[in-house]
Protein backbone atom coordinates (compact mmCIF):
# COMPACT_ATOMS: atom_id res chain seq x y z
CA MET A 1 72.31 175.36 59.75
CA GLN A 2 75.95 175.20 58.72
CA ALA A 3 77.05 173.32 55.63
CA LEU A 4 78.39 169.79 55.69
CA PRO A 5 82.13 169.28 55.61
CA ASN A 6 83.82 167.66 52.63
CA LEU A 7 82.39 164.29 51.67
CA PHE A 8 84.88 161.67 50.47
CA LEU A 9 83.75 158.40 48.90
CA VAL A 10 85.94 155.31 49.23
CA GLY A 11 85.33 151.69 48.33
CA PRO A 12 86.06 149.01 45.77
CA MET A 13 85.67 149.47 42.05
CA GLY A 14 82.13 149.00 40.88
CA THR A 15 80.44 150.37 43.99
CA GLY A 16 79.26 153.48 42.16
CA LYS A 17 81.58 156.06 43.72
CA SER A 18 81.68 158.25 40.60
CA THR A 19 77.96 158.05 39.80
CA ILE A 20 76.88 158.50 43.41
CA GLY A 21 79.45 161.24 43.98
CA ARG A 22 78.30 163.20 40.94
CA THR A 23 74.64 162.88 41.98
CA LEU A 24 75.40 163.80 45.59
CA ALA A 25 77.41 166.85 44.56
CA ALA A 26 74.63 168.02 42.23
CA GLU A 27 72.01 167.70 44.97
CA LEU A 28 74.21 169.53 47.47
CA GLN A 29 75.30 172.12 44.86
CA ARG A 30 78.96 171.31 45.43
CA ASP A 31 81.96 170.82 43.23
CA PHE A 32 82.60 167.17 42.38
CA PHE A 33 86.00 165.61 41.83
CA ASP A 34 86.92 162.07 40.80
CA SER A 35 90.58 161.46 41.63
CA ASP A 36 91.01 158.98 38.75
CA HIS A 37 89.61 161.46 36.22
CA VAL A 38 91.80 164.26 37.56
CA ILE A 39 94.87 162.03 37.15
CA GLU A 40 93.88 161.11 33.60
CA GLN A 41 93.26 164.71 32.66
CA ARG A 42 96.57 165.90 34.08
CA CYS A 43 98.53 163.09 32.42
CA GLY A 44 96.70 163.29 29.12
CA CYS A 45 96.31 159.50 29.12
CA ASN A 46 94.13 156.83 30.66
CA ILE A 47 94.83 154.83 33.81
CA PRO A 48 95.69 151.55 32.01
CA TRP A 49 98.42 153.43 30.11
CA ILE A 50 99.81 154.87 33.36
CA PHE A 51 99.84 151.35 34.86
CA ASP A 52 101.63 150.01 31.75
CA VAL A 53 104.30 152.72 31.73
CA GLU A 54 104.75 153.57 35.42
CA GLY A 55 103.33 150.50 37.12
CA GLU A 56 100.92 150.56 40.02
CA ALA A 57 103.51 152.29 42.23
CA GLY A 58 103.77 155.22 39.79
CA PHE A 59 100.02 155.52 39.61
CA ARG A 60 99.68 155.43 43.42
CA LEU A 61 102.21 158.26 43.75
CA ARG A 62 100.18 160.41 41.35
CA GLU A 63 97.02 159.46 43.22
CA ALA A 64 98.49 160.50 46.60
CA GLN A 65 99.46 163.92 45.19
CA VAL A 66 95.97 164.51 43.76
CA ILE A 67 94.24 163.41 46.98
CA ASP A 68 96.46 165.69 49.07
CA GLU A 69 95.63 168.64 46.82
CA ILE A 70 91.90 168.08 46.38
CA THR A 71 91.16 167.27 50.03
CA ARG A 72 92.41 170.76 50.93
CA TYR A 73 89.40 172.31 49.18
CA GLN A 74 86.28 173.02 51.19
CA GLY A 75 82.69 172.07 50.47
CA ILE A 76 83.41 169.35 47.90
CA VAL A 77 82.50 165.77 47.10
CA LEU A 78 85.42 163.53 46.10
CA ALA A 79 85.24 160.01 44.67
CA THR A 80 88.56 158.23 45.20
CA GLY A 81 89.96 155.27 43.31
CA GLY A 82 89.45 151.82 44.80
CA GLY A 83 93.07 151.54 45.92
CA ALA A 84 93.45 155.02 47.39
CA VAL A 85 93.22 153.62 50.93
CA MET A 86 96.37 151.55 50.40
CA HIS A 87 98.51 154.60 51.13
CA PRO A 88 98.53 155.46 54.88
CA THR A 89 98.86 159.19 54.18
CA ASN A 90 95.73 159.11 52.00
CA ARG A 91 93.77 157.45 54.79
CA ARG A 92 94.94 160.05 57.30
CA LEU A 93 94.19 163.01 55.03
CA LEU A 94 90.74 161.72 54.16
CA ARG A 95 89.84 161.22 57.83
CA GLU A 96 91.24 164.61 58.88
CA ARG A 97 89.72 166.68 56.09
CA GLY A 98 86.15 165.43 55.79
CA VAL A 99 83.51 162.77 56.31
CA VAL A 100 84.58 159.49 54.69
CA ILE A 101 81.83 157.29 53.30
CA TYR A 102 82.70 153.68 52.50
CA LEU A 103 80.44 152.50 49.68
CA SER A 104 80.33 148.73 49.98
CA THR A 105 78.97 146.06 47.69
CA THR A 106 79.30 142.34 47.04
CA VAL A 107 81.85 140.87 44.67
CA GLU A 108 78.93 139.62 42.56
CA GLN A 109 77.69 143.21 42.13
CA GLN A 110 81.22 144.40 41.34
CA LEU A 111 81.54 141.76 38.61
CA LYS A 112 78.19 142.73 37.13
CA ARG A 113 79.07 146.43 37.12
CA THR A 114 82.64 146.09 35.78
CA SER A 115 82.35 143.15 33.37
CA ARG A 116 82.59 145.25 30.21
CA ASP A 117 84.89 147.99 31.51
CA ARG A 118 88.38 147.70 29.98
CA ASN A 119 89.61 150.77 31.87
CA ARG A 120 90.31 148.73 35.02
CA PRO A 121 93.87 147.43 34.78
CA LEU A 122 93.67 145.31 37.94
CA LEU A 123 90.87 143.26 36.36
CA GLN A 124 92.71 142.46 33.13
CA CYS A 125 93.51 138.95 34.29
CA ALA A 126 92.36 135.35 33.83
CA ASP A 127 90.01 135.34 36.84
CA PRO A 128 88.53 138.80 37.60
CA GLU A 129 86.23 137.39 40.29
CA GLN A 130 89.15 135.92 42.23
CA ARG A 131 91.07 139.18 41.82
CA LEU A 132 88.12 141.17 43.21
CA ARG A 133 87.89 138.81 46.19
CA GLU A 134 91.63 139.21 46.89
CA LEU A 135 91.41 143.00 46.64
CA LEU A 136 88.39 143.12 48.95
CA GLU A 137 90.08 140.89 51.52
CA MET A 138 93.14 143.16 51.51
CA ARG A 139 91.34 146.52 51.35
CA ASP A 140 88.11 146.05 53.32
CA PRO A 141 89.83 146.54 56.72
CA LEU A 142 91.41 149.75 55.38
CA TYR A 143 88.09 151.07 54.05
CA ARG A 144 86.48 150.34 57.41
CA ASP A 145 89.33 151.94 59.36
CA THR A 146 89.12 155.09 57.24
CA ALA A 147 85.32 155.40 57.08
CA THR A 148 83.09 157.63 59.12
CA LEU A 149 80.04 155.86 57.62
CA ILE A 150 79.46 152.63 55.71
CA VAL A 151 76.69 152.55 53.08
CA SER A 152 75.78 149.50 51.00
CA THR A 153 75.09 150.07 47.29
CA ASP A 154 73.90 146.51 46.56
CA ARG A 155 70.90 146.47 44.23
CA ARG A 156 70.15 150.12 44.97
CA SER A 157 69.68 153.10 42.74
CA PRO A 158 72.17 155.97 43.01
CA ARG A 159 69.35 158.25 44.22
CA SER A 160 68.51 155.86 47.06
CA VAL A 161 72.15 155.74 48.16
CA VAL A 162 72.46 159.53 47.92
CA ALA A 163 69.31 159.96 50.05
CA GLU A 164 70.80 157.71 52.72
CA ILE A 165 74.12 159.56 52.66
CA ARG A 166 72.37 162.90 53.00
CA ARG A 167 70.26 161.67 55.89
CA ARG A 168 73.19 160.10 57.72
CA THR A 169 75.62 163.00 57.23
CA ARG A 170 73.35 165.78 58.53
CA ARG A 171 74.83 165.35 62.00
CA TYR A 172 78.27 166.35 60.67
CA ALA A 173 77.15 169.82 59.54
CA GLY A 174 79.42 172.46 61.01
CA SER A 175 81.94 169.95 62.36
CA VAL A 176 84.72 171.08 60.03
CA SER A 177 85.91 174.64 59.67
CA ARG A 178 84.55 176.49 56.64
CA SER A 179 87.79 178.39 56.05
CA CYS A 180 89.07 177.80 52.58
CA CYS A 181 92.41 176.12 52.14
CA SER A 182 92.41 176.88 48.43
CA ASP A 183 90.39 178.95 46.00
CA LEU A 184 88.48 176.78 43.53
CA SER A 185 87.48 179.68 41.29
CA GLY A 186 90.71 179.59 39.29
CA TYR A 187 91.09 175.83 39.27
CA SER A 188 90.78 174.06 35.96
CA LEU A 189 90.66 170.31 35.71
């Protein structure tokens, strides 16, 4: 059986993209990338600082460059930032270069999972719940348009979600060329 194509995780903050992506990559013995962490590492600063200095537009430009680069690799798992789907080019590249999995959850679960996280600049406001609802209303159609599969993470363990992703993505094995677009062996994050 041929290997699965790239697996790209999209969805709102607090759905578990990083945790699930890391677990999925480990089980599949693949390289794992988190676009937000790659941006932070390259900039030498955290995302709230980038938002403060460059604004959301500056951050989104950096994000688009990282997504373009990383989605060229083969046999990877990538967790994208919650707003990555806002850029039309990101949506196109994700769809063209792999299987896109929309991890969905309720706003209540998002609040529970992000309540103590100060590294989320879009939630540093008077009413985080209202902000999450606004973001979901704006982004949900884009997540759905980009996704190959939709998987709920509500009240589920990462292992349970990973098992479902593995089961549901088996049919995509061999559907994307295995030719390498870039050599990961010399890549340092």
